[in-house]
Amino acid sequence: MTPRSEPFEEHSERYDRWFEEYENAYESELEALREITPQDPEGVSVGVGTGRFAEPLGVRVGLDPSVEMLRHAGRRGIDTVRGVAEALPFDDGAFDTALLVTTVCFVDDLGRTFDEARRVLREGGSFVIGYVDRESPLGERYQERKGQNPFYKEATFVSTDELEEGLCDAGFRVREHVQTVFRMPEEMEEPDEVEGGHGDGSFVGLRARA
């Protein structure tokens, strides 16, 4: 068990409760991803977690290194596979969509992760990434408080510019961005709007094409 997956084995219930405690932030993030995720995808969610995003977005296959996270995802109807993002156990061109949500900060090698996503996607397939931008207010707070959170203690947050550079190196072309979560999650009394672009909202959704 790697250091980054250990907290998810030990605290999977706590992780899953976040989406209920901060439902408005979760609904904002989910709506942003709905705008850029193909309908009825033949897809895989890499770092599926508890399936909170894969299930409503219609992504039926989910991969994660954590057995406990996969247990939650399986209860949500996801076909679960144990593995890591840097070595996907799938054939070349197996999917038309790959989903990577709140996962980029936990992978050990972002370049290999992008290369593997490119490999398992068909030509013209969609790579949908959802993440908290390191340079946003929420990203800055997460970094400041890393030592207080078992999940983010080992996390490496990235900026949108860094992600785009890595995607380009892996052979992707970024097609669009959306953003939301313009307030801190605990301040949200309703979901935030979803806007195009990036740089204002803490949560960014990005769609790249293989």
N, C-alpha and C. Protein backbone atom coordinates (compact mmCIF):
# COMPACT_ATOMS: atom_id res chain seq x y z
N MET A 1 0.85 -1.20 0.00
CA MET A 1 0.00 0.00 0.00
C MET A 1 0.89 1.25 0.00
N THR A 2 0.69 2.12 -0.95
CA THR A 2 1.51 3.32 -1.06
C THR A 2 1.07 4.34 -0.01
N PRO A 3 1.96 5.28 0.37
CA PRO A 3 1.59 6.29 1.37
C PRO A 3 0.37 7.10 0.96
N ARG A 4 0.20 7.36 -0.34
CA ARG A 4 -0.92 8.20 -0.76
C ARG A 4 -2.25 7.46 -0.72
N SER A 5 -2.23 6.13 -0.78
CA SER A 5 -3.49 5.39 -0.74
C SER A 5 -3.88 4.98 0.68
N GLU A 6 -2.91 4.95 1.59
CA GLU A 6 -3.20 4.51 2.95
C GLU A 6 -4.30 5.31 3.64
N PRO A 7 -4.30 6.66 3.55
CA PRO A 7 -5.39 7.40 4.22
C PRO A 7 -6.77 7.05 3.69
N PHE A 8 -6.85 6.68 2.42
CA PHE A 8 -8.15 6.37 1.83
C PHE A 8 -8.65 5.00 2.29
N GLU A 9 -7.73 4.12 2.64
CA GLU A 9 -8.13 2.84 3.24
C GLU A 9 -8.67 3.06 4.64
N GLU A 10 -8.00 3.93 5.39
CA GLU A 10 -8.33 4.12 6.80
C GLU A 10 -9.50 5.07 7.02
N HIS A 11 -9.71 6.00 6.09
CA HIS A 11 -10.71 7.04 6.32
C HIS A 11 -11.71 7.16 5.17
N SER A 12 -12.06 6.04 4.55
CA SER A 12 -12.96 6.10 3.39
C SER A 12 -14.34 6.65 3.75
N GLU A 13 -14.82 6.33 4.95
CA GLU A 13 -16.12 6.84 5.37
C GLU A 13 -16.08 8.37 5.52
N ARG A 14 -15.02 8.86 6.10
CA ARG A 14 -14.85 10.31 6.26
C ARG A 14 -14.79 10.99 4.90
N TYR A 15 -14.06 10.40 3.98
CA TYR A 15 -13.96 10.96 2.62
C TYR A 15 -15.34 11.05 1.98
N ASP A 16 -16.11 9.99 2.07
CA ASP A 16 -17.41 9.97 1.41
C ASP A 16 -18.40 10.93 2.04
N ARG A 17 -18.28 11.15 3.36
CA ARG A 17 -19.19 12.07 4.04
C ARG A 17 -19.01 13.52 3.59
N TRP A 18 -17.81 13.85 3.10
CA TRP A 18 -17.57 15.23 2.66
C TRP A 18 -18.61 15.68 1.64
N PHE A 19 -19.00 14.79 0.75
CA PHE A 19 -19.93 15.15 -0.32
C PHE A 19 -21.33 15.44 0.21
N GLU A 20 -21.65 14.91 1.38
CA GLU A 20 -22.92 15.21 2.01
C GLU A 20 -22.83 16.47 2.86
N GLU A 21 -21.71 16.63 3.55
CA GLU A 21 -21.53 17.81 4.41
C GLU A 21 -21.41 19.09 3.58
N TYR A 22 -20.82 18.99 2.41
CA TYR A 22 -20.63 20.15 1.52
C TYR A 22 -21.33 19.88 0.20
N GLU A 23 -22.62 19.58 0.32
CA GLU A 23 -23.40 19.16 -0.84
C GLU A 23 -23.43 20.23 -1.94
N ASN A 24 -23.47 21.50 -1.56
CA ASN A 24 -23.55 22.55 -2.57
C ASN A 24 -22.26 22.64 -3.38
N ALA A 25 -21.13 22.46 -2.74
CA ALA A 25 -19.87 22.43 -3.48
C ALA A 25 -19.82 21.22 -4.39
N TYR A 26 -20.24 20.08 -3.87
CA TYR A 26 -20.26 18.86 -4.68
C TYR A 26 -21.17 19.01 -5.89
N GLU A 27 -22.36 19.55 -5.70
CA GLU A 27 -23.28 19.72 -6.82
C GLU A 27 -22.73 20.69 -7.85
N SER A 28 -22.01 21.71 -7.41
CA SER A 28 -21.37 22.65 -8.32
C SER A 28 -20.32 21.95 -9.17
N GLU A 29 -19.49 21.15 -8.53
CA GLU A 29 -18.45 20.43 -9.25
C GLU A 29 -19.04 19.43 -10.23
N LEU A 30 -20.07 18.73 -9.78
CA LEU A 30 -20.71 17.74 -10.65
C LEU A 30 -21.33 18.39 -11.87
N GLU A 31 -21.99 19.53 -11.69
CA GLU A 31 -22.60 20.22 -12.82
C GLU A 31 -21.54 20.70 -13.81
N ALA A 32 -20.42 21.17 -13.30
CA ALA A 32 -19.33 21.58 -14.19
C ALA A 32 -18.86 20.42 -15.05
N LEU A 33 -18.72 19.26 -14.45
CA LEU A 33 -18.26 18.09 -15.20
C LEU A 33 -19.31 17.59 -16.18
N ARG A 34 -20.58 17.74 -15.82
CA ARG A 34 -21.65 17.34 -16.75
C ARG A 34 -21.56 18.13 -18.06
N GLU A 35 -21.13 19.36 -17.97
CA GLU A 35 -21.07 20.22 -19.16
C GLU A 35 -19.99 19.79 -20.14
N ILE A 36 -18.99 19.05 -19.67
CA ILE A 36 -17.88 18.70 -20.55
C ILE A 36 -17.68 17.20 -20.74
N THR A 37 -18.49 16.39 -20.09
CA THR A 37 -18.38 14.94 -20.22
C THR A 37 -19.36 14.43 -21.27
N PRO A 38 -18.90 13.66 -22.25
CA PRO A 38 -19.82 13.12 -23.27
C PRO A 38 -20.95 12.33 -22.63
N GLN A 39 -22.12 12.38 -23.24
CA GLN A 39 -23.25 11.61 -22.76
C GLN A 39 -23.07 10.14 -23.10
N ASP A 40 -23.54 9.28 -22.20
CA ASP A 40 -23.45 7.83 -22.37
C ASP A 40 -22.05 7.39 -22.77
N PRO A 41 -21.05 7.77 -21.99
CA PRO A 41 -19.68 7.44 -22.37
C PRO A 41 -19.36 5.96 -22.18
N GLU A 42 -18.52 5.44 -23.03
CA GLU A 42 -17.91 4.14 -22.78
C GLU A 42 -16.56 4.46 -22.13
N GLY A 43 -16.64 4.70 -20.82
CA GLY A 43 -15.49 5.32 -20.19
C GLY A 43 -14.98 4.62 -18.95
N VAL A 44 -13.88 5.16 -18.45
CA VAL A 44 -13.25 4.68 -17.22
C VAL A 44 -12.96 5.88 -16.34
N SER A 45 -13.21 5.74 -15.06
CA SER A 45 -12.86 6.75 -14.07
C SER A 45 -11.58 6.30 -13.38
N VAL A 46 -10.51 7.03 -13.61
CA VAL A 46 -9.20 6.71 -13.03
C VAL A 46 -9.09 7.44 -11.69
N GLY A 47 -8.90 6.67 -10.62
CA GLY A 47 -8.99 7.26 -9.29
C GLY A 47 -10.45 7.50 -8.95
N VAL A 48 -11.25 6.45 -9.11
CA VAL A 48 -12.71 6.58 -9.00
C VAL A 48 -13.17 6.96 -7.60
N GLY A 49 -12.33 6.70 -6.59
CA GLY A 49 -12.75 6.99 -5.22
C GLY A 49 -14.00 6.21 -4.85
N THR A 50 -14.96 6.88 -4.26
CA THR A 50 -16.19 6.21 -3.83
C THR A 50 -17.28 6.24 -4.90
N GLY A 51 -16.93 6.71 -6.10
CA GLY A 51 -17.89 6.70 -7.21
C GLY A 51 -18.83 7.88 -7.24
N ARG A 52 -18.55 8.90 -6.44
CA ARG A 52 -19.45 10.05 -6.35
C ARG A 52 -19.58 10.81 -7.67
N PHE A 53 -18.56 10.75 -8.52
CA PHE A 53 -18.64 11.42 -9.82
C PHE A 53 -18.93 10.44 -10.95
N ALA A 54 -18.30 9.29 -10.92
CA ALA A 54 -18.48 8.33 -12.01
C ALA A 54 -19.94 7.91 -12.16
N GLU A 55 -20.59 7.61 -11.06
CA GLU A 55 -21.98 7.09 -11.15
C GLU A 55 -22.93 8.09 -11.81
N PRO A 56 -23.03 9.35 -11.36
CA PRO A 56 -23.97 10.27 -12.00
C PRO A 56 -23.56 10.68 -13.41
N LEU A 57 -22.27 10.56 -13.74
CA LEU A 57 -21.82 10.92 -15.08
C LEU A 57 -21.91 9.75 -16.06
N GLY A 58 -22.35 8.60 -15.59
CA GLY A 58 -22.57 7.46 -16.46
C GLY A 58 -21.32 6.70 -16.84
N VAL A 59 -20.25 6.87 -16.08
CA VAL A 59 -19.01 6.13 -16.33
C VAL A 59 -19.06 4.84 -15.52
N ARG A 60 -19.05 3.71 -16.21
CA ARG A 60 -19.36 2.45 -15.56
C ARG A 60 -18.16 1.72 -14.98
N VAL A 61 -16.94 2.02 -15.45
CA VAL A 61 -15.75 1.33 -14.97
C VAL A 61 -14.93 2.28 -14.11
N GLY A 62 -14.48 1.81 -12.96
CA GLY A 62 -13.70 2.66 -12.07
C GLY A 62 -12.48 1.96 -11.53
N LEU A 63 -11.35 2.65 -11.57
CA LEU A 63 -10.08 2.09 -11.08
C LEU A 63 -9.58 2.92 -9.90
N ASP A 64 -9.03 2.23 -8.90
CA ASP A 64 -8.48 2.90 -7.73
C ASP A 64 -7.53 1.95 -7.02
N PRO A 65 -6.49 2.46 -6.35
CA PRO A 65 -5.62 1.56 -5.59
C PRO A 65 -6.19 1.15 -4.24
N SER A 66 -7.23 1.84 -3.78
CA SER A 66 -7.76 1.59 -2.44
C SER A 66 -8.93 0.61 -2.46
N VAL A 67 -8.79 -0.46 -1.74
CA VAL A 67 -9.85 -1.46 -1.66
C VAL A 67 -11.11 -0.88 -1.03
N GLU A 68 -10.94 -0.08 0.01
CA GLU A 68 -12.10 0.50 0.69
C GLU A 68 -12.85 1.48 -0.21
N MET A 69 -12.13 2.28 -0.97
CA MET A 69 -12.79 3.20 -1.89
C MET A 69 -13.55 2.42 -2.95
N LEU A 70 -12.96 1.37 -3.46
CA LEU A 70 -13.62 0.55 -4.47
C LEU A 70 -14.87 -0.12 -3.91
N ARG A 71 -14.84 -0.45 -2.64
CA ARG A 71 -16.02 -1.05 -2.02
C ARG A 71 -17.20 -0.09 -2.09
N HIS A 72 -16.95 1.19 -1.78
CA HIS A 72 -18.01 2.20 -1.88
C HIS A 72 -18.47 2.36 -3.32
N ALA A 73 -17.52 2.43 -4.24
CA ALA A 73 -17.86 2.62 -5.66
C ALA A 73 -18.69 1.45 -6.18
N GLY A 74 -18.34 0.25 -5.76
CA GLY A 74 -19.10 -0.92 -6.18
C GLY A 74 -20.54 -0.86 -5.73
N ARG A 75 -20.78 -0.31 -4.56
CA ARG A 75 -22.15 -0.16 -4.07
C ARG A 75 -22.95 0.84 -4.91
N ARG A 76 -22.24 1.70 -5.62
CA ARG A 76 -22.91 2.66 -6.51
C ARG A 76 -23.02 2.13 -7.94
N GLY A 77 -22.76 0.86 -8.11
CA GLY A 77 -22.96 0.25 -9.42
C GLY A 77 -21.78 0.34 -10.36
N ILE A 78 -20.61 0.73 -9.86
CA ILE A 78 -19.43 0.83 -10.70
C ILE A 78 -18.74 -0.53 -10.80
N ASP A 79 -18.30 -0.89 -12.00
CA ASP A 79 -17.47 -2.08 -12.19
C ASP A 79 -16.05 -1.72 -11.76
N THR A 80 -15.60 -2.24 -10.65
CA THR A 80 -14.36 -1.78 -10.03
C THR A 80 -13.16 -2.64 -10.41
N VAL A 81 -12.03 -1.96 -10.56
CA VAL A 81 -10.75 -2.59 -10.88
C VAL A 81 -9.70 -1.96 -9.98
N ARG A 82 -8.90 -2.78 -9.34
CA ARG A 82 -7.84 -2.23 -8.50
C ARG A 82 -6.58 -2.00 -9.34
N GLY A 83 -6.01 -0.83 -9.20
CA GLY A 83 -4.81 -0.52 -9.96
C GLY A 83 -4.43 0.93 -9.77
N VAL A 84 -3.37 1.36 -10.44
CA VAL A 84 -2.88 2.73 -10.32
C VAL A 84 -2.92 3.42 -11.68
N ALA A 85 -2.97 4.74 -11.63
CA ALA A 85 -3.13 5.54 -12.84
C ALA A 85 -1.93 5.43 -13.77
N GLU A 86 -0.76 5.15 -13.22
CA GLU A 86 0.45 5.10 -14.04
C GLU A 86 0.63 3.79 -14.78
N ALA A 87 -0.20 2.80 -14.52
CA ALA A 87 -0.10 1.49 -15.19
C ALA A 87 -1.50 0.90 -15.31
N LEU A 88 -2.31 1.46 -16.21
CA LEU A 88 -3.70 1.05 -16.33
C LEU A 88 -3.81 -0.37 -16.91
N PRO A 89 -4.58 -1.23 -16.28
CA PRO A 89 -4.70 -2.63 -16.74
C PRO A 89 -5.78 -2.78 -17.82
N PHE A 90 -5.69 -1.96 -18.86
CA PHE A 90 -6.67 -1.99 -19.94
C PHE A 90 -5.94 -1.99 -21.29
N ASP A 91 -6.63 -2.50 -22.31
CA ASP A 91 -6.04 -2.55 -23.64
C ASP A 91 -5.95 -1.16 -24.26
N ASP A 92 -5.08 -1.03 -25.24
CA ASP A 92 -4.99 0.21 -26.00
C ASP A 92 -6.33 0.53 -26.64
N GLY A 93 -6.74 1.80 -26.58
CA GLY A 93 -7.98 2.22 -27.23
C GLY A 93 -9.23 1.57 -26.69
N ALA A 94 -9.25 1.23 -25.41
CA ALA A 94 -10.38 0.51 -24.83
C ALA A 94 -11.58 1.41 -24.56
N PHE A 95 -11.37 2.73 -24.45
CA PHE A 95 -12.43 3.63 -24.02
C PHE A 95 -12.52 4.86 -24.93
N ASP A 96 -13.71 5.48 -24.90
CA ASP A 96 -13.85 6.76 -25.60
C ASP A 96 -13.78 7.94 -24.65
N THR A 97 -13.82 7.67 -23.34
CA THR A 97 -13.76 8.73 -22.33
C THR A 97 -12.96 8.25 -21.13
N ALA A 98 -12.08 9.10 -20.65
CA ALA A 98 -11.37 8.85 -19.38
C ALA A 98 -11.64 10.01 -18.45
N LEU A 99 -12.01 9.69 -17.23
CA LEU A 99 -12.37 10.68 -16.22
C LEU A 99 -11.32 10.65 -15.12
N LEU A 100 -10.84 11.83 -14.75
CA LEU A 100 -9.82 11.94 -13.69
C LEU A 100 -10.24 13.11 -12.80
N VAL A 101 -10.97 12.81 -11.72
CA VAL A 101 -11.56 13.87 -10.90
C VAL A 101 -10.96 13.85 -9.49
N THR A 102 -10.47 14.99 -9.05
CA THR A 102 -9.83 15.16 -7.74
C THR A 102 -8.78 14.08 -7.50
N THR A 103 -8.04 13.77 -8.55
CA THR A 103 -7.06 12.69 -8.51
C THR A 103 -5.65 13.15 -8.87
N VAL A 104 -5.53 14.21 -9.67
CA VAL A 104 -4.20 14.59 -10.16
C VAL A 104 -3.22 14.91 -9.03
N CYS A 105 -3.74 15.38 -7.90
CA CYS A 105 -2.83 15.73 -6.81
C CYS A 105 -2.33 14.51 -6.04
N PHE A 106 -2.88 13.33 -6.33
CA PHE A 106 -2.50 12.14 -5.58
C PHE A 106 -1.66 11.14 -6.39
N VAL A 107 -1.53 11.32 -7.69
CA VAL A 107 -0.76 10.36 -8.47
C VAL A 107 0.73 10.57 -8.21
N ASP A 108 1.51 9.51 -8.39
CA ASP A 108 2.95 9.59 -8.16
C ASP A 108 3.68 10.19 -9.35
N ASP A 109 3.16 9.97 -10.56
CA ASP A 109 3.84 10.45 -11.77
C ASP A 109 2.78 10.96 -12.73
N LEU A 110 2.64 12.29 -12.81
CA LEU A 110 1.59 12.87 -13.64
C LEU A 110 1.83 12.61 -15.12
N GLY A 111 3.08 12.66 -15.55
CA GLY A 111 3.38 12.40 -16.95
C GLY A 111 2.98 11.00 -17.38
N ARG A 112 3.32 10.00 -16.58
CA ARG A 112 2.94 8.63 -16.90
C ARG A 112 1.43 8.46 -16.84
N THR A 113 0.78 9.15 -15.92
CA THR A 113 -0.68 9.09 -15.82
C THR A 113 -1.32 9.58 -17.12
N PHE A 114 -0.83 10.69 -17.64
CA PHE A 114 -1.37 11.23 -18.89
C PHE A 114 -1.05 10.31 -20.07
N ASP A 115 0.16 9.75 -20.10
CA ASP A 115 0.52 8.83 -21.18
C ASP A 115 -0.39 7.60 -21.18
N GLU A 116 -0.69 7.09 -20.00
CA GLU A 116 -1.57 5.91 -19.91
C GLU A 116 -3.00 6.25 -20.32
N ALA A 117 -3.48 7.43 -19.93
CA ALA A 117 -4.81 7.85 -20.37
C ALA A 117 -4.86 7.95 -21.89
N ARG A 118 -3.82 8.50 -22.48
CA ARG A 118 -3.77 8.60 -23.94
C ARG A 118 -3.77 7.22 -24.58
N ARG A 119 -3.07 6.29 -23.99
CA ARG A 119 -2.99 4.93 -24.54
C ARG A 119 -4.35 4.23 -24.56
N VAL A 120 -5.10 4.33 -23.47
CA VAL A 120 -6.36 3.57 -23.39
C VAL A 120 -7.52 4.28 -24.07
N LEU A 121 -7.30 5.53 -24.52
CA LEU A 121 -8.35 6.25 -25.23
C LEU A 121 -8.27 6.01 -26.73
N ARG A 122 -9.44 5.93 -27.36
CA ARG A 122 -9.49 5.86 -28.81
C ARG A 122 -9.13 7.21 -29.41
N GLU A 123 -8.74 7.22 -30.65
CA GLU A 123 -8.42 8.47 -31.33
C GLU A 123 -9.64 9.38 -31.30
N GLY A 124 -9.45 10.61 -30.87
CA GLY A 124 -10.56 11.55 -30.75
C GLY A 124 -11.31 11.45 -29.45
N GLY A 125 -10.87 10.55 -28.54
CA GLY A 125 -11.55 10.38 -27.27
C GLY A 125 -11.38 11.57 -26.35
N SER A 126 -12.22 11.63 -25.32
CA SER A 126 -12.22 12.77 -24.39
C SER A 126 -11.56 12.39 -23.07
N PHE A 127 -10.65 13.26 -22.64
CA PHE A 127 -10.02 13.13 -21.33
C PHE A 127 -10.56 14.28 -20.48
N VAL A 128 -11.37 13.94 -19.47
CA VAL A 128 -12.03 14.94 -18.63
C VAL A 128 -11.37 14.95 -17.26
N ILE A 129 -10.84 16.10 -16.88
CA ILE A 129 -10.14 16.24 -15.61
C ILE A 129 -10.85 17.28 -14.75
N GLY A 130 -11.12 16.94 -13.52
CA GLY A 130 -11.68 17.88 -12.55
C GLY A 130 -10.72 18.03 -11.38
N TYR A 131 -10.42 19.26 -11.00
CA TYR A 131 -9.38 19.45 -9.99
C TYR A 131 -9.54 20.81 -9.31
N VAL A 132 -8.97 20.92 -8.12
CA VAL A 132 -8.86 22.20 -7.42
C VAL A 132 -7.54 22.84 -7.85
N ASP A 133 -7.64 23.99 -8.49
CA ASP A 133 -6.46 24.69 -8.99
C ASP A 133 -5.60 25.14 -7.81
N ARG A 134 -4.31 24.82 -7.88
CA ARG A 134 -3.39 25.19 -6.80
C ARG A 134 -3.38 26.69 -6.54
N GLU A 135 -3.59 27.49 -7.57
CA GLU A 135 -3.48 28.94 -7.44
C GLU A 135 -4.81 29.60 -7.07
N SER A 136 -5.83 28.82 -6.79
CA SER A 136 -7.13 29.35 -6.39
C SER A 136 -7.18 29.52 -4.87
N PRO A 137 -8.19 30.26 -4.36
CA PRO A 137 -8.29 30.42 -2.90
C PRO A 137 -8.40 29.09 -2.15
N LEU A 138 -9.20 28.16 -2.67
CA LEU A 138 -9.35 26.88 -2.00
C LEU A 138 -8.07 26.06 -2.12
N GLY A 139 -7.43 26.13 -3.28
CA GLY A 139 -6.17 25.42 -3.46
C GLY A 139 -5.10 25.93 -2.50
N GLU A 140 -5.05 27.22 -2.31
CA GLU A 140 -4.07 27.80 -1.38
C GLU A 140 -4.36 27.36 0.05
N ARG A 141 -5.65 27.30 0.40
CA ARG A 141 -5.99 26.87 1.77
C ARG A 141 -5.62 25.40 1.98
N TYR A 142 -5.91 24.57 0.99
CA TYR A 142 -5.55 23.15 1.11
C TYR A 142 -4.05 22.99 1.32
N GLN A 143 -3.26 23.77 0.60
CA GLN A 143 -1.81 23.67 0.75
C GLN A 143 -1.35 24.12 2.13
N GLU A 144 -1.96 25.20 2.62
CA GLU A 144 -1.58 25.72 3.94
C GLU A 144 -1.91 24.74 5.05
N ARG A 145 -2.97 23.96 4.85
CA ARG A 145 -3.45 23.07 5.91
C ARG A 145 -3.17 21.60 5.62
N LYS A 146 -2.23 21.32 4.75
CA LYS A 146 -1.95 19.93 4.36
C LYS A 146 -1.69 19.03 5.56
N GLY A 147 -0.94 19.55 6.52
CA GLY A 147 -0.57 18.73 7.67
C GLY A 147 -1.73 18.37 8.57
N GLN A 148 -2.86 19.06 8.42
CA GLN A 148 -4.03 18.81 9.26
C GLN A 148 -5.03 17.86 8.62
N ASN A 149 -4.78 17.45 7.40
CA ASN A 149 -5.74 16.63 6.67
C ASN A 149 -5.07 15.34 6.21
N PRO A 150 -5.61 14.17 6.60
CA PRO A 150 -4.94 12.92 6.24
C PRO A 150 -4.89 12.67 4.74
N PHE A 151 -5.83 13.23 3.98
CA PHE A 151 -5.86 13.01 2.54
C PHE A 151 -4.85 13.89 1.81
N TYR A 152 -4.73 15.13 2.22
CA TYR A 152 -3.88 16.08 1.50
C TYR A 152 -2.46 16.14 2.02
N LYS A 153 -2.15 15.38 3.06
CA LYS A 153 -0.81 15.41 3.64
C LYS A 153 0.25 15.05 2.61
N GLU A 154 -0.05 14.09 1.74
CA GLU A 154 0.91 13.64 0.74
C GLU A 154 0.59 14.19 -0.65
N ALA A 155 -0.38 15.08 -0.75
CA ALA A 155 -0.84 15.57 -2.06
C ALA A 155 0.13 16.58 -2.65
N THR A 156 0.16 16.62 -3.99
CA THR A 156 0.93 17.61 -4.74
C THR A 156 -0.03 18.36 -5.65
N PHE A 157 -0.40 19.56 -5.26
CA PHE A 157 -1.36 20.32 -6.04
C PHE A 157 -0.68 20.94 -7.26
N VAL A 158 -1.46 21.07 -8.33
CA VAL A 158 -0.92 21.60 -9.58
C VAL A 158 -1.79 22.74 -10.08
N SER A 159 -1.18 23.57 -10.93
CA SER A 159 -1.90 24.68 -11.54
C SER A 159 -2.45 24.26 -12.89
N THR A 160 -3.34 25.07 -13.44
CA THR A 160 -3.89 24.79 -14.76
C THR A 160 -2.79 24.82 -15.82
N ASP A 161 -1.88 25.76 -15.74
CA ASP A 161 -0.79 25.84 -16.72
C ASP A 161 0.06 24.57 -16.69
N GLU A 162 0.34 24.04 -15.52
CA GLU A 162 1.14 22.81 -15.42
C GLU A 162 0.39 21.62 -16.02
N LEU A 163 -0.91 21.56 -15.77
CA LEU A 163 -1.70 20.48 -16.35
C LEU A 163 -1.70 20.55 -17.87
N GLU A 164 -1.90 21.73 -18.40
CA GLU A 164 -1.95 21.88 -19.85
C GLU A 164 -0.62 21.52 -20.50
N GLU A 165 0.46 21.88 -19.87
CA GLU A 165 1.78 21.52 -20.40
C GLU A 165 1.95 20.01 -20.45
N GLY A 166 1.56 19.34 -19.36
CA GLY A 166 1.66 17.89 -19.32
C GLY A 166 0.77 17.21 -20.34
N LEU A 167 -0.42 17.73 -20.52
CA LEU A 167 -1.33 17.16 -21.51
C LEU A 167 -0.78 17.29 -22.93
N CYS A 168 -0.22 18.44 -23.22
CA CYS A 168 0.39 18.66 -24.53
C CYS A 168 1.52 17.67 -24.78
N ASP A 169 2.35 17.45 -23.77
CA ASP A 169 3.47 16.51 -23.90
C ASP A 169 2.98 15.09 -24.16
N ALA A 170 1.79 14.76 -23.65
CA ALA A 170 1.24 13.41 -23.81
C ALA A 170 0.44 13.25 -25.10
N GLY A 171 0.33 14.31 -25.88
CA GLY A 171 -0.37 14.20 -27.16
C GLY A 171 -1.82 14.60 -27.11
N PHE A 172 -2.23 15.34 -26.08
CA PHE A 172 -3.61 15.82 -25.98
C PHE A 172 -3.70 17.28 -26.44
N ARG A 173 -4.89 17.63 -26.87
CA ARG A 173 -5.19 19.03 -27.17
C ARG A 173 -6.34 19.48 -26.28
N VAL A 174 -6.12 20.51 -25.50
CA VAL A 174 -7.16 21.00 -24.60
C VAL A 174 -8.25 21.69 -25.41
N ARG A 175 -9.49 21.28 -25.18
CA ARG A 175 -10.62 21.81 -25.95
C ARG A 175 -11.42 22.86 -25.20
N GLU A 176 -11.60 22.69 -23.90
CA GLU A 176 -12.40 23.67 -23.16
C GLU A 176 -12.15 23.56 -21.66
N HIS A 177 -12.47 24.67 -20.95
CA HIS A 177 -12.43 24.72 -19.50
C HIS A 177 -13.77 25.22 -18.99
N VAL A 178 -14.13 24.75 -17.80
CA VAL A 178 -15.24 25.33 -17.05
C VAL A 178 -14.77 25.50 -15.62
N GLN A 179 -15.43 26.39 -14.88
CA GLN A 179 -15.00 26.63 -13.50
C GLN A 179 -16.22 26.91 -12.62
N THR A 180 -16.06 26.60 -11.35
CA THR A 180 -17.11 26.84 -10.36
C THR A 180 -16.46 26.86 -8.97
N VAL A 181 -17.28 26.88 -7.93
CA VAL A 181 -16.86 27.01 -6.53
C VAL A 181 -16.09 28.32 -6.37
N PHE A 182 -16.85 29.41 -6.37
CA PHE A 182 -16.30 30.74 -6.24
C PHE A 182 -16.25 31.20 -4.77
N ARG A 183 -16.80 30.39 -3.88
CA ARG A 183 -16.76 30.65 -2.44
C ARG A 183 -16.17 29.44 -1.75
N MET A 184 -15.86 29.57 -0.49
CA MET A 184 -15.42 28.41 0.27
C MET A 184 -16.60 27.47 0.47
N PRO A 185 -16.38 26.16 0.46
CA PRO A 185 -17.48 25.21 0.56
C PRO A 185 -18.41 25.46 1.73
N GLU A 186 -17.86 25.83 2.90
CA GLU A 186 -18.72 26.03 4.07
C GLU A 186 -19.55 27.30 3.98
N GLU A 187 -19.25 28.18 3.03
CA GLU A 187 -20.00 29.42 2.86
C GLU A 187 -21.13 29.27 1.85
N MET A 188 -21.21 28.15 1.17
CA MET A 188 -22.17 27.99 0.08
C MET A 188 -23.53 27.55 0.60
N GLU A 189 -24.53 28.39 0.42
CA GLU A 189 -25.89 28.06 0.81
C GLU A 189 -26.68 27.48 -0.35
N GLU A 190 -26.10 27.51 -1.54
CA GLU A 190 -26.66 26.91 -2.73
C GLU A 190 -25.50 26.65 -3.69
N PRO A 191 -25.70 25.82 -4.69
CA PRO A 191 -24.60 25.57 -5.64
C PRO A 191 -24.21 26.84 -6.39
N ASP A 192 -22.94 26.97 -6.72
CA ASP A 192 -22.46 28.09 -7.52
C ASP A 192 -22.74 27.84 -9.00
N GLU A 193 -22.78 28.92 -9.76
CA GLU A 193 -22.93 28.80 -11.21
C GLU A 193 -21.67 28.19 -11.81
N VAL A 194 -21.84 27.66 -13.01
CA VAL A 194 -20.70 27.15 -13.78
C VAL A 194 -20.41 28.15 -14.89
N GLU A 195 -19.17 28.58 -14.99
CA GLU A 195 -18.77 29.54 -16.00
C GLU A 195 -17.67 28.94 -16.88
N GLY A 196 -17.48 29.50 -18.05
CA GLY A 196 -16.40 29.07 -18.91
C GLY A 196 -15.07 29.60 -18.43
N GLY A 197 -14.00 29.01 -18.93
CA GLY A 197 -12.66 29.49 -18.61
C GLY A 197 -12.15 28.99 -17.28
N HIS A 198 -11.11 29.66 -16.80
CA HIS A 198 -10.51 29.31 -15.51
C HIS A 198 -9.81 30.54 -14.96
N GLY A 199 -9.46 30.49 -13.67
CA GLY A 199 -8.75 31.61 -13.05
C GLY A 199 -9.53 32.29 -11.95
N ASP A 200 -10.85 32.05 -11.89
CA ASP A 200 -11.68 32.64 -10.84
C ASP A 200 -12.25 31.58 -9.90
N GLY A 201 -12.75 30.50 -10.44
CA GLY A 201 -13.30 29.44 -9.61
C GLY A 201 -12.21 28.51 -9.09
N SER A 202 -12.42 27.98 -7.89
CA SER A 202 -11.43 27.07 -7.30
C SER A 202 -11.45 25.71 -7.95
N PHE A 203 -12.61 25.26 -8.42
CA PHE A 203 -12.72 23.96 -9.08
C PHE A 203 -12.77 24.18 -10.59
N VAL A 204 -11.90 23.50 -11.30
CA VAL A 204 -11.81 23.62 -12.75
C VAL A 204 -12.09 22.27 -13.40
N GLY A 205 -12.90 22.29 -14.44
CA GLY A 205 -13.11 21.12 -15.27
C GLY A 205 -12.46 21.38 -16.62
N LEU A 206 -11.70 20.42 -17.09
CA LEU A 206 -10.96 20.57 -18.34
C LEU A 206 -11.25 19.37 -19.22
N ARG A 207 -11.51 19.63 -20.50
CA ARG A 207 -11.68 18.51 -21.45
C ARG A 207 -10.61 18.61 -22.52
N ALA A 208 -9.87 17.53 -22.65
CA ALA A 208 -8.84 17.45 -23.69
C ALA A 208 -9.22 16.32 -24.65
N ARG A 209 -8.70 16.43 -25.85
CA ARG A 209 -9.01 15.42 -26.87
C ARG A 209 -7.75 14.67 -27.26
N ALA A 210 -7.91 13.35 -27.36
CA ALA A 210 -6.78 12.51 -27.73
C ALA A 210 -6.50 12.62 -29.22
